[in-house]
């Protein structure tokens, strides 16, 4: 067996999973994309799920009342041309940032047309692993703040945004306190988007920014492997060496809940949080619990076990741990929590005390 325990898989099963997912991904990517056409018969974009037989104990089987597996808007035909490519480079039916903001505006919400990007890299707006919704908004005409600490990205960022009086580049290393100070001084009280991808206690930045008084409409973050209600987080590291430490989904839920935020959806390795007053504008947002949204968006995604940069793959490579157990419904939470504490020994591992698995969030 590749990994021990009741969630183990043989090499033959692993190979079959890879072949199955590859066939499915190729089928999805080759779908015709004609303008104005509806989704093919029987196919639901956004429902890119691994074969349920290849994951533990029905963890990726969903009843009919849990479908469709995306949050849509009433009275709108979801055409292929309206769909967008997420961080896994596949067309999904989750609402994009642009679609969400347009929906808010149509319902009387005033947009600031201001985005905050902590970790802007070179300012690209392309699908895939470096998909950056804040850059996409900024390149479409939004103003805002761009933070970046990687020196080789400084010049491309300057060239991309030179002459833009509505954007400000903050180049060099920063801290949660420093970033929050810049934002409170230079951004409107309700920016349209806060995106954080620094891989250095990103939840610390979100907490400090909210604590300083900023109330972004949407928050976009990258998440680690464990599901709700397991909280995994690391302290902020101020040293010069590069680190890569992600915070779990529940760390963000626990940190943002007191400031009035809920989980909208999970886009593969990313999560989108929404301010509660705006969540009321999204129908069916309470159809799934936070844990179900984690399964639909991340755990049951075929690339969770395949893509080199997936948190799940990183755990196998560096800690020889198969994180499939985190989604196994037959394993008690106490056991999953114990294993998380053994695996994430260099971080803080707790349980979200206010998380209720039976309550629609």
Protein backbone atom coordinates (compact mmCIF):
# COMPACT_ATOMS: atom_id res chain seq x y z
CA UNK A 1 0.00 0.00 0.00
CA UNK A 2 1.13 3.56 -0.66
CA UNK A 3 0.01 4.71 2.79
CA UNK A 4 -1.13 2.81 5.85
CA UNK A 5 -4.45 2.88 7.59
CA UNK A 6 -8.04 2.34 6.45
CA UNK A 7 -7.71 5.17 3.92
CA UNK A 8 -4.75 3.52 2.15
CA UNK A 9 -4.62 3.05 -1.60
CA UNK A 10 -2.63 0.62 -3.69
CA UNK A 11 -0.43 1.68 -6.57
CA UNK A 12 -3.01 0.21 -8.94
CA UNK A 13 -5.78 2.29 -7.35
CA UNK A 14 -3.62 5.40 -7.43
CA UNK A 15 -2.85 4.84 -11.11
CA UNK A 16 -6.52 4.30 -11.86
CA UNK A 17 -7.35 7.54 -10.04
CA UNK A 18 -4.82 9.44 -12.12
CA UNK A 19 -6.07 7.96 -15.37
CA UNK A 20 -9.70 8.62 -14.45
CA UNK A 21 -9.00 12.22 -13.49
CA UNK A 22 -6.88 12.80 -16.61
CA UNK A 23 -9.66 11.53 -18.85
CA UNK A 24 -12.20 13.74 -17.03
CA UNK A 25 -9.97 16.81 -17.17
CA UNK A 26 -9.34 16.30 -20.87
CA UNK A 27 -13.07 15.87 -21.48
CA UNK A 28 -13.81 19.11 -19.68
CA UNK A 29 -11.04 21.07 -21.36
CA UNK A 30 -12.17 19.97 -24.84
CA UNK A 31 -15.78 21.10 -24.43
CA UNK A 32 -16.82 23.49 -27.24
CA UNK A 33 -16.89 27.09 -26.09
CA UNK A 34 -19.33 28.69 -28.51
CA UNK A 35 -20.72 32.05 -27.53
CA UNK A 36 -24.26 31.94 -26.22
CA UNK A 37 -24.42 28.15 -25.87
CA UNK A 38 -25.67 26.44 -22.75
CA UNK A 39 -23.82 23.70 -20.90
CA UNK A 40 -23.87 20.29 -22.64
CA UNK A 41 -26.67 17.91 -21.66
CA UNK A 42 -25.96 16.27 -18.32
CA UNK A 43 -22.86 18.29 -17.61
CA UNK A 44 -22.63 20.78 -14.75
CA UNK A 45 -19.57 23.02 -14.86
CA UNK A 46 -18.28 23.48 -11.36
CA UNK A 47 -18.97 19.80 -10.65
CA UNK A 48 -15.45 18.60 -11.37
CA UNK A 49 -15.28 15.84 -8.75
CA UNK A 50 -13.03 12.84 -8.30
CA UNK A 51 -14.61 9.40 -8.79
CA UNK A 52 -16.32 8.69 -5.42
CA UNK A 53 -14.93 5.12 -5.51
CA UNK A 54 -11.39 6.47 -5.22
CA UNK A 55 -11.85 8.35 -1.94
CA UNK A 56 -12.72 7.01 1.53
CA UNK A 57 -16.19 5.91 2.58
CA UNK A 58 -18.46 8.07 0.47
CA UNK A 59 -16.66 11.29 1.30
CA UNK A 60 -17.32 12.68 -2.19
CA UNK A 61 -20.89 11.49 -2.68
CA UNK A 62 -23.51 14.23 -2.49
CA UNK A 63 -27.27 13.84 -2.28
CA UNK A 64 -29.56 15.47 -4.81
CA UNK A 65 -30.50 18.25 -2.39
CA UNK A 66 -26.85 19.33 -2.36
CA UNK A 67 -26.82 19.97 -6.10
CA UNK A 68 -26.10 22.05 -8.09
CA UNK A 69 -22.67 22.24 -6.53
CA UNK A 70 -22.20 25.93 -7.11
CA UNK A 71 -23.85 29.15 -6.02
CA UNK A 72 -25.66 30.83 -8.89
CA UNK A 73 -27.93 33.81 -9.34
CA UNK A 74 -31.68 33.56 -10.07
CA UNK A 75 -32.96 34.40 -13.50
CA UNK A 76 -29.58 34.12 -15.19
CA UNK A 77 -28.74 31.40 -17.68
CA UNK A 78 -25.24 30.21 -16.86
CA UNK A 79 -23.72 30.13 -20.32
CA UNK A 80 -20.29 28.71 -21.10
CA UNK A 81 -19.05 32.14 -22.07
CA UNK A 82 -19.87 33.36 -18.54
CA UNK A 83 -17.67 30.77 -16.88
CA UNK A 84 -14.11 31.46 -15.90
CA UNK A 85 -10.96 29.46 -15.19
CA UNK A 86 -9.94 29.13 -11.56
CA UNK A 87 -6.61 28.19 -9.97
CA UNK A 88 -6.90 24.68 -11.41
CA UNK A 89 -7.25 26.10 -14.98
CA UNK A 90 -10.72 24.64 -15.41
CA UNK A 91 -13.99 26.37 -16.14
CA UNK A 92 -16.14 26.60 -13.03
CA UNK A 93 -19.56 27.92 -12.15
CA UNK A 94 -18.51 29.67 -8.98
CA UNK A 95 -19.13 33.36 -9.45
CA UNK A 96 -15.99 35.28 -10.33
CA UNK A 97 -15.01 38.45 -8.50
CA UNK A 98 -16.24 40.56 -11.39
CA UNK A 99 -19.60 38.78 -11.45
CA UNK A 100 -20.01 39.12 -7.69
CA UNK A 101 -19.22 42.82 -7.70
CA UNK A 102 -21.54 43.44 -10.65
CA UNK A 103 -24.29 41.61 -8.78
CA UNK A 104 -23.72 43.77 -5.70
CA UNK A 105 -23.88 46.92 -7.78
CA UNK A 106 -27.09 45.82 -9.51
CA UNK A 107 -28.60 45.41 -6.04
CA UNK A 108 -27.80 48.94 -4.93
CA UNK A 109 -24.39 48.39 -3.31
CA UNK A 110 -21.94 51.20 -4.03
CA UNK A 111 -18.57 49.91 -5.20
CA UNK A 112 -15.35 51.64 -4.18
CA UNK A 113 -13.56 50.28 -7.28
CA UNK A 114 -10.59 49.73 -4.99
CA UNK A 115 -8.73 46.42 -4.50
CA UNK A 116 -5.94 45.51 -2.08
CA UNK A 117 -3.40 42.91 -3.18
CA UNK A 118 -0.92 41.52 -0.67
CA UNK A 119 1.33 39.39 -2.85
CA UNK A 120 0.87 40.91 -6.32
CA UNK A 121 3.87 39.06 -7.86
CA UNK A 122 4.45 40.57 -11.33
CA UNK A 123 0.88 41.82 -11.68
CA UNK A 124 -0.39 39.12 -14.05
CA UNK A 125 -4.03 38.24 -14.58
CA UNK A 126 -4.01 34.70 -15.99
CA UNK A 127 -5.73 31.43 -14.97
CA UNK A 128 -3.84 28.71 -13.18
CA UNK A 129 -1.67 28.52 -10.10
CA UNK A 130 -0.83 32.22 -10.21
CA UNK A 131 -4.44 33.29 -10.80
CA UNK A 132 -4.85 36.57 -8.97
CA UNK A 133 -8.34 38.14 -8.81
CA UNK A 134 -7.00 41.40 -7.38
CA UNK A 135 -4.60 41.87 -10.29
CA UNK A 136 -7.48 41.16 -12.67
CA UNK A 137 -9.56 43.92 -11.08
CA UNK A 138 -6.63 46.35 -11.01
CA UNK A 139 -5.82 45.73 -14.68
CA UNK A 140 -9.48 46.25 -15.60
CA UNK A 141 -9.46 49.80 -14.21
CA UNK A 142 -9.85 49.44 -10.45
CA UNK A 143 -7.53 51.44 -8.24
CA UNK A 144 -5.82 50.07 -5.19
CA UNK A 145 -2.73 49.02 -3.26
CA UNK A 146 -0.24 46.39 -4.39
CA UNK A 147 2.18 44.85 -1.90
CA UNK A 148 5.08 42.72 -3.11
CA UNK A 149 8.28 41.60 -1.38
CA UNK A 150 9.96 39.61 -4.17
CA UNK A 151 12.64 41.84 -5.69
CA UNK A 152 12.54 40.31 -9.17
CA UNK A 153 8.89 41.34 -9.43
CA UNK A 154 9.50 45.02 -8.68
CA UNK A 155 10.40 46.14 -12.20
CA UNK A 156 7.59 44.22 -13.98
CA UNK A 157 5.12 45.71 -11.50
CA UNK A 158 6.44 49.23 -12.08
CA UNK A 159 6.15 48.82 -15.85
CA UNK A 160 2.67 47.32 -15.64
CA UNK A 161 1.23 50.07 -13.43
CA UNK A 162 3.36 53.09 -14.35
CA UNK A 163 1.38 56.27 -14.90
CA UNK A 164 -1.57 54.98 -12.85
CA UNK A 165 -2.45 57.65 -10.33
CA UNK A 166 -5.09 55.43 -8.75
CA UNK A 167 -2.70 52.64 -7.77
CA UNK A 168 0.11 52.58 -5.24
CA UNK A 169 2.97 50.07 -5.17
CA UNK A 170 4.40 49.08 -1.78
CA UNK A 171 7.52 47.12 -2.63
CA UNK A 172 9.58 45.28 -0.03
CA UNK A 173 8.87 43.06 2.94
CA UNK A 174 5.97 44.01 5.16
CA UNK A 175 4.30 42.88 8.38
CA UNK A 176 0.66 42.58 9.43
CA UNK A 177 0.87 45.80 11.43
CA UNK A 178 2.63 47.76 8.67
CA UNK A 179 0.26 46.54 5.97
CA UNK A 180 -2.79 47.40 8.11
CA UNK A 181 -1.40 50.91 8.70
CA UNK A 182 -0.88 51.54 4.97
CA UNK A 183 -4.37 50.26 4.20
CA UNK A 184 -6.07 52.35 6.88
CA UNK A 185 -4.27 55.46 5.59
CA UNK A 186 -4.70 54.90 1.83
CA UNK A 187 -7.80 52.78 1.22
CA UNK A 188 -11.52 53.47 1.55
CA UNK A 189 -13.30 51.88 4.53
CA UNK A 190 -14.97 49.28 2.29
CA UNK A 191 -12.58 48.15 -0.46
CA UNK A 192 -14.16 45.78 -2.94
CA UNK A 193 -11.55 43.04 -2.49
CA UNK A 194 -8.78 42.08 -0.09
CA UNK A 195 -6.56 39.34 -1.50
CA UNK A 196 -3.75 37.87 0.62
CA UNK A 197 -1.18 35.37 -0.68
CA UNK A 198 2.11 35.88 1.15
CA UNK A 199 2.48 32.34 2.57
CA UNK A 200 3.54 33.81 5.92
CA UNK A 201 0.69 33.72 8.44
CA UNK A 202 -1.71 35.18 5.91
CA UNK A 203 -4.46 34.93 8.51
CA UNK A 204 -2.41 37.30 10.69
CA UNK A 205 -2.63 39.93 7.93
CA UNK A 206 -6.38 39.42 7.51
CA UNK A 207 -6.93 39.73 11.27
CA UNK A 208 -4.84 42.87 11.63
CA UNK A 209 -6.43 44.57 8.62
CA UNK A 210 -9.94 43.88 9.93
CA UNK A 211 -8.89 44.95 13.43
CA UNK A 212 -7.71 48.27 12.01
CA UNK A 213 -11.24 49.01 10.79
CA UNK A 214 -11.16 48.00 7.12
CA UNK A 215 -14.22 46.06 5.95
CA UNK A 216 -13.61 44.65 2.47
CA UNK A 217 -16.61 43.27 0.69
CA UNK A 218 -14.77 40.09 -0.32
CA UNK A 219 -11.62 38.37 0.98
CA UNK A 220 -9.64 35.92 -1.15
CA UNK A 221 -7.06 33.64 0.56
CA UNK A 222 -5.07 30.47 -0.05
CA UNK A 223 -5.78 27.58 2.32
CA UNK A 224 -3.94 24.60 3.77
CA UNK A 225 -5.21 21.02 3.75
CA UNK A 226 -7.23 20.50 7.00
CA UNK A 227 -11.03 20.96 6.91
CA UNK A 228 -13.31 22.75 9.34
CA UNK A 229 -13.24 22.76 12.30
CA UNK A 230 -9.46 22.12 12.50
CA UNK A 231 -7.56 25.39 12.92
CA UNK A 232 -3.92 25.30 11.76
CA UNK A 233 -1.88 28.48 11.78
CA UNK A 234 1.70 29.63 12.21
CA UNK A 235 3.16 32.77 13.74
CA UNK A 236 4.30 35.55 11.43
CA UNK A 237 7.96 35.13 10.48
CA UNK A 238 9.93 38.37 10.14
CA UNK A 239 13.25 36.88 9.02
CA UNK A 240 14.74 37.33 5.55
CA UNK A 241 14.56 33.67 4.49
CA UNK A 242 11.64 32.52 2.39
CA UNK A 243 9.02 30.27 3.98
CA UNK A 244 5.82 28.68 2.71
CA UNK A 245 3.29 28.11 5.48
CA UNK A 246 -0.42 28.14 4.74
CA UNK A 247 -3.26 28.66 7.19
CA UNK A 248 -6.22 26.28 7.26
CA UNK A 249 -9.71 27.29 6.17
CA UNK A 250 -10.99 27.25 9.75
CA UNK A 251 -8.26 29.65 10.85
CA UNK A 252 -9.81 32.25 8.53
CA UNK A 253 -13.37 31.41 9.57
CA UNK A 254 -12.46 31.76 13.24
CA UNK A 255 -10.53 35.00 12.64
CA UNK A 256 -13.12 36.76 10.46
CA UNK A 257 -16.35 35.62 12.15
CA UNK A 258 -16.19 38.31 14.88
CA UNK A 259 -15.93 40.96 12.14
CA UNK A 260 -19.01 39.70 10.29
CA UNK A 261 -17.78 37.38 7.52
CA UNK A 262 -18.87 33.99 6.17
CA UNK A 263 -17.51 31.49 3.69
CA UNK A 264 -18.89 31.95 0.17
CA UNK A 265 -17.11 29.07 -1.55
CA UNK A 266 -13.81 27.24 -1.99
CA UNK A 267 -12.03 27.45 -5.36
CA UNK A 268 -9.61 24.53 -5.24
CA UNK A 269 -6.75 25.87 -3.02
CA UNK A 270 -8.40 29.25 -2.48
CA UNK A 271 -11.33 30.36 -0.34
CA UNK A 272 -13.58 33.39 -0.78
CA UNK A 273 -15.08 35.05 2.31
CA UNK A 274 -17.98 37.48 2.05
CA UNK A 275 -19.24 40.18 4.38
CA UNK A 276 -22.48 39.04 6.01
CA UNK A 277 -24.59 41.99 4.86
CA UNK A 278 -23.66 41.13 1.26
CA UNK A 279 -24.09 37.38 1.77
CA UNK A 280 -27.82 38.08 2.04
CA UNK A 281 -27.72 38.98 -1.68
CA UNK A 282 -26.45 35.53 -2.70
CA UNK A 283 -29.22 32.92 -2.97
CA UNK A 284 -28.45 29.40 -1.77
CA UNK A 285 -25.35 30.50 0.14
CA UNK A 286 -26.67 28.41 3.06
CA UNK A 287 -27.24 25.30 0.96
CA UNK A 288 -23.94 23.83 2.16
CA UNK A 289 -22.07 23.90 5.45
CA UNK A 290 -18.50 25.20 5.49
CA UNK A 291 -17.21 21.63 5.63
CA UNK A 292 -19.30 20.68 2.59
CA UNK A 293 -17.98 23.70 0.70
CA UNK A 294 -14.45 22.52 1.57
CA UNK A 295 -15.24 19.06 0.17
CA UNK A 296 -16.85 20.38 -3.01
CA UNK A 297 -14.17 22.95 -3.79
CA UNK A 298 -10.99 21.27 -2.57
CA UNK A 299 -11.13 17.77 -1.11
CA UNK A 300 -13.10 16.18 -3.96
CA UNK A 301 -11.20 18.01 -6.69
CA UNK A 302 -9.16 15.51 -8.77
CA UNK A 303 -6.07 17.72 -8.66
CA UNK A 304 -5.93 17.62 -4.85
CA UNK A 305 -4.02 14.35 -5.08
CA UNK A 306 -2.21 15.00 -8.36
CA UNK A 307 -0.97 18.55 -8.76
CA UNK A 308 2.61 19.04 -7.57
CA UNK A 309 1.80 22.25 -5.66
CA UNK A 310 -1.33 20.92 -3.97
CA UNK A 311 -1.16 21.06 -0.15
CA UNK A 312 -2.16 17.39 -0.10
CA UNK A 313 0.74 16.41 -2.36
CA UNK A 314 3.14 18.48 -0.28
CA UNK A 315 2.10 16.58 2.85
CA UNK A 316 2.80 13.27 1.10
CA UNK A 317 6.14 14.46 -0.22
CA UNK A 318 7.57 16.11 2.87
CA UNK A 319 5.77 14.39 5.75
CA UNK A 320 4.76 11.03 4.20
CA UNK A 321 1.20 11.66 5.33
CA UNK A 322 -1.93 10.91 3.28
CA UNK A 323 -4.35 13.69 4.15
CA UNK A 324 -7.31 11.77 2.67
CA UNK A 325 -8.10 10.83 6.26
CA UNK A 326 -9.15 14.44 6.93
CA UNK A 327 -12.21 13.90 4.74
CA UNK A 328 -13.04 10.35 5.82
CA UNK A 329 -16.48 10.54 7.50
CA UNK A 330 -15.87 7.23 9.27
CA UNK A 331 -12.94 8.68 11.24
CA UNK A 332 -14.00 10.56 14.36
CA UNK A 333 -13.10 14.22 14.62
CA UNK A 334 -11.03 13.52 17.73
CA UNK A 335 -8.78 11.15 15.75
CA UNK A 336 -8.42 13.57 12.82
CA UNK A 337 -7.57 16.34 15.26
CA UNK A 338 -4.94 14.14 16.94
CA UNK A 339 -3.33 13.35 13.58
CA UNK A 340 -3.32 17.04 12.61
CA UNK A 341 -1.40 17.85 15.79
CA UNK A 342 1.13 15.14 14.92
CA UNK A 343 1.58 16.35 11.35
CA UNK A 344 1.62 20.14 11.85
CA UNK A 345 4.09 20.06 14.73
CA UNK A 346 5.64 23.43 13.88
CA UNK A 347 2.31 25.26 14.00
CA UNK A 348 -0.62 25.83 16.33
CA UNK A 349 -3.40 23.25 15.96
CA UNK A 350 -6.72 23.86 17.72
CA UNK A 351 -10.43 23.37 17.11
CA UNK A 352 -12.78 26.20 16.16
CA UNK A 353 -14.87 26.30 19.30
CA UNK A 354 -17.78 28.11 17.63
CA UNK A 355 -18.04 25.83 14.60
CA UNK A 356 -21.33 23.93 14.42
CA UNK A 357 -21.28 21.16 11.79
CA UNK A 358 -25.08 20.86 11.84
CA UNK A 359 -25.86 24.52 11.30
CA UNK A 360 -25.97 26.07 7.87
CA UNK A 361 -23.41 28.84 8.03
